[in-house]
Amino acid sequence: MSNAKPTLTILLYGNSILMETLTSKLQKIESWEVAQIAGGEIHDIGYADFIVADLCDSATSIALPILCGLPGVVLIGVDAIANTLTVLTGRTRPLNSTQGVLDALKNAI
């Protein structure tokens, strides 16, 4: 393993199987620091460059105003029911698999 500092910090917000799978996959990308927190835990998260939020998690709806208010953080919403990933600037794209989510995250970042 490399001693290089992470170039990106990504926080996955939610407690679903999708978030756990994405966390596991993203942690394998060298130079990315990846962490997951369960919905409802909103403290000391402003350090992230990107936050990926599970839009199907009921706790996310409560957290969205706080997450959107973090300066300098790109907020990305993932909806497994609608199979979409939304960079919360209003752009949405269809997704058909976990690999599609991973590819879209890599492109967005």
C-alpha atoms as a PDB file:
ATOM      1  CA  MET A   1       0.000   0.000   0.000  1.00  0.00           C
ATOM      2  CA  SER A   2       1.224   3.504  -0.807  1.00  0.00           C
ATOM      3  CA  ASN A   3       2.076   6.160   1.781  1.00  0.00           C
ATOM      4  CA  ALA A   4       0.691   8.897  -0.478  1.00  0.00           C
ATOM      5  CA  LYS A   5      -1.892  11.213   1.063  1.00  0.00           C
ATOM      6  CA  PRO A   6      -5.436  10.833  -0.251  1.00  0.00           C
ATOM      7  CA  THR A   7      -6.291  13.260  -3.020  1.00  0.00           C
ATOM      8  CA  LEU A   8     -10.048  13.002  -2.450  1.00  0.00           C
ATOM      9  CA  THR A   9     -12.165  12.388   0.610  1.00  0.00           C
ATOM     10  CA  ILE A  10     -15.536  10.799  -0.059  1.00  0.00           C
ATOM     11  CA  LEU A  11     -18.181  10.283   2.592  1.00  0.00           C
ATOM     12  CA  LEU A  12     -21.081   7.931   1.941  1.00  0.00           C
ATOM     13  CA  TYR A  13     -24.167   8.894   3.933  1.00  0.00           C
ATOM     14  CA  GLY A  14     -26.710   6.158   4.581  1.00  0.00           C
ATOM     15  CA  ASN A  15     -26.994   2.650   5.932  1.00  0.00           C
ATOM     16  CA  SER A  16     -28.273   0.655   2.956  1.00  0.00           C
ATOM     17  CA  ILE A  17     -26.726  -2.291   1.171  1.00  0.00           C
ATOM     18  CA  LEU A  18     -26.031   0.069  -1.746  1.00  0.00           C
ATOM     19  CA  MET A  19     -23.992   2.418   0.468  1.00  0.00           C
ATOM     20  CA  GLU A  20     -22.101  -0.500   2.017  1.00  0.00           C
ATOM     21  CA  THR A  21     -21.307  -1.919  -1.431  1.00  0.00           C
ATOM     22  CA  LEU A  22     -20.195   1.455  -2.780  1.00  0.00           C
ATOM     23  CA  THR A  23     -18.030   2.044   0.298  1.00  0.00           C
ATOM     24  CA  SER A  24     -16.344  -1.318  -0.162  1.00  0.00           C
ATOM     25  CA  LYS A  25     -15.699  -0.702  -3.873  1.00  0.00           C
ATOM     26  CA  LEU A  26     -14.561   2.917  -3.516  1.00  0.00           C
ATOM     27  CA  GLN A  27     -12.141   2.067  -0.686  1.00  0.00           C
ATOM     28  CA  LYS A  28     -10.172   0.032  -3.216  1.00  0.00           C
ATOM     29  CA  ILE A  29      -9.356   3.109  -5.300  1.00  0.00           C
ATOM     30  CA  GLU A  30      -5.863   4.284  -4.482  1.00  0.00           C
ATOM     31  CA  SER A  31      -5.529   7.860  -3.232  1.00  0.00           C
ATOM     32  CA  TRP A  32      -9.194   8.115  -2.208  1.00  0.00           C
ATOM     33  CA  GLU A  33     -10.136   8.241   1.451  1.00  0.00           C
ATOM     34  CA  VAL A  34     -13.607   6.745   1.785  1.00  0.00           C
ATOM     35  CA  ALA A  35     -15.825   6.503   4.860  1.00  0.00           C
ATOM     36  CA  GLN A  36     -19.464   5.624   5.499  1.00  0.00           C
ATOM     37  CA  ILE A  37     -21.746   6.948   8.197  1.00  0.00           C
ATOM     38  CA  ALA A  38     -25.242   5.794   9.025  1.00  0.00           C
ATOM     39  CA  GLY A  39     -28.078   8.177   8.371  1.00  0.00           C
ATOM     40  CA  GLY A  40     -28.791  10.499  11.232  1.00  0.00           C
ATOM     41  CA  GLU A  41     -25.166  11.023  12.210  1.00  0.00           C
ATOM     42  CA  ILE A  42     -24.455  14.621  11.230  1.00  0.00           C
ATOM     43  CA  HIS A  43     -21.338  15.836  12.959  1.00  0.00           C
ATOM     44  CA  ASP A  44     -17.842  16.670  11.777  1.00  0.00           C
ATOM     45  CA  ILE A  45     -18.533  15.810   8.119  1.00  0.00           C
ATOM     46  CA  GLY A  46     -17.452  19.067   6.524  1.00  0.00           C
ATOM     47  CA  TYR A  47     -14.001  17.617   5.826  1.00  0.00           C
ATOM     48  CA  ALA A  48     -15.268  15.626   2.822  1.00  0.00           C
ATOM     49  CA  ASP A  49     -14.720  16.717  -0.767  1.00  0.00           C
ATOM     50  CA  PHE A  50     -17.742  14.681  -1.877  1.00  0.00           C
ATOM     51  CA  ILE A  51     -20.734  13.319  -0.007  1.00  0.00           C
ATOM     52  CA  VAL A  52     -22.769  10.544  -1.604  1.00  0.00           C
ATOM     53  CA  ALA A  53     -26.189  10.351   0.039  1.00  0.00           C
ATOM     54  CA  ASP A  54     -28.690   7.522  -0.226  1.00  0.00           C
ATOM     55  CA  LEU A  55     -31.875   9.296  -1.305  1.00  0.00           C
ATOM     56  CA  CYS A  56     -33.953   6.240  -0.353  1.00  0.00           C
ATOM     57  CA  ASP A  57     -32.837   6.401   3.285  1.00  0.00           C
ATOM     58  CA  SER A  58     -35.497   8.168   5.355  1.00  0.00           C
ATOM     59  CA  ALA A  59     -32.854   9.894   7.481  1.00  0.00           C
ATOM     60  CA  THR A  60     -31.415  11.549   4.366  1.00  0.00           C
ATOM     61  CA  SER A  61     -34.463  13.782   3.900  1.00  0.00           C
ATOM     62  CA  ILE A  62     -33.825  15.260   7.337  1.00  0.00           C
ATOM     63  CA  ALA A  63     -30.102  15.676   6.625  1.00  0.00           C
ATOM     64  CA  LEU A  64     -30.300  17.122   3.096  1.00  0.00           C
ATOM     65  CA  PRO A  65     -30.623  20.779   4.135  1.00  0.00           C
ATOM     66  CA  ILE A  66     -27.549  20.420   6.337  1.00  0.00           C
ATOM     67  CA  LEU A  67     -25.602  18.468   3.711  1.00  0.00           C
ATOM     68  CA  CYS A  68     -26.489  20.998   0.999  1.00  0.00           C
ATOM     69  CA  GLY A  69     -25.267  23.811   3.215  1.00  0.00           C
ATOM     70  CA  LEU A  70     -21.721  22.513   3.575  1.00  0.00           C
ATOM     71  CA  PRO A  71     -19.392  24.888   1.723  1.00  0.00           C
ATOM     72  CA  GLY A  72     -17.073  23.406  -0.889  1.00  0.00           C
ATOM     73  CA  VAL A  73     -18.620  19.931  -0.757  1.00  0.00           C
ATOM     74  CA  VAL A  74     -20.106  18.279  -3.837  1.00  0.00           C
ATOM     75  CA  LEU A  75     -23.296  16.458  -2.837  1.00  0.00           C
ATOM     76  CA  ILE A  76     -24.325  13.442  -4.915  1.00  0.00           C
ATOM     77  CA  GLY A  77     -27.629  11.644  -4.380  1.00  0.00           C
ATOM     78  CA  VAL A  78     -28.111   7.980  -5.275  1.00  0.00           C
ATOM     79  CA  ASP A  79     -31.610   6.531  -5.641  1.00  0.00           C
ATOM     80  CA  ALA A  80     -31.647   2.733  -5.983  1.00  0.00           C
ATOM     81  CA  ILE A  81     -35.415   2.642  -6.542  1.00  0.00           C
ATOM     82  CA  ALA A  82     -35.369   5.063  -9.486  1.00  0.00           C
ATOM     83  CA  ASN A  83     -31.911   3.834 -10.576  1.00  0.00           C
ATOM     84  CA  THR A  84     -30.550   7.381 -10.703  1.00  0.00           C
ATOM     85  CA  LEU A  85     -27.564   9.337  -9.551  1.00  0.00           C
ATOM     86  CA  THR A  86     -28.057  13.073  -9.114  1.00  0.00           C
ATOM     87  CA  VAL A  87     -25.321  15.611  -8.648  1.00  0.00           C
ATOM     88  CA  LEU A  88     -27.476  17.924  -6.601  1.00  0.00           C
ATOM     89  CA  THR A  89     -27.372  20.692  -9.117  1.00  0.00           C
ATOM     90  CA  GLY A  90     -30.411  19.233 -10.852  1.00  0.00           C
ATOM     91  CA  ARG A  91     -28.772  16.807 -13.290  1.00  0.00           C
ATOM     92  CA  THR A  92     -30.051  13.228 -13.198  1.00  0.00           C
ATOM     93  CA  ARG A  93     -28.995  10.202 -15.210  1.00  0.00           C
ATOM     94  CA  PRO A  94     -30.341   6.640 -15.372  1.00  0.00           C
ATOM     95  CA  LEU A  95     -28.317   3.844 -13.794  1.00  0.00           C
ATOM     96  CA  ASN A  96     -28.801   0.112 -14.159  1.00  0.00           C
ATOM     97  CA  SER A  97     -26.189  -1.434 -11.870  1.00  0.00           C
ATOM     98  CA  THR A  98     -23.761  -0.852  -9.032  1.00  0.00           C
ATOM     99  CA  GLN A  99     -21.014  -0.677 -11.650  1.00  0.00           C
ATOM    100  CA  GLY A 100     -22.990   2.092 -13.357  1.00  0.00           C
ATOM    101  CA  VAL A 101     -23.032   3.999 -10.069  1.00  0.00           C
ATOM    102  CA  LEU A 102     -19.271   3.509  -9.666  1.00  0.00           C
ATOM    103  CA  ASP A 103     -18.606   4.686 -13.225  1.00  0.00           C
ATOM    104  CA  ALA A 104     -20.840   7.751 -12.773  1.00  0.00           C
ATOM    105  CA  LEU A 105     -19.097   8.633  -9.490  1.00  0.00           C
ATOM    106  CA  LYS A 106     -15.702   8.389 -11.157  1.00  0.00           C
ATOM    107  CA  ASN A 107     -16.890  10.660 -13.976  1.00  0.00           C
ATOM    108  CA  ALA A 108     -18.456  13.166 -11.566  1.00  0.00           C
ATOM    109  CA  ILE A 109     -15.336  13.321  -9.452  1.00  0.00           C
END
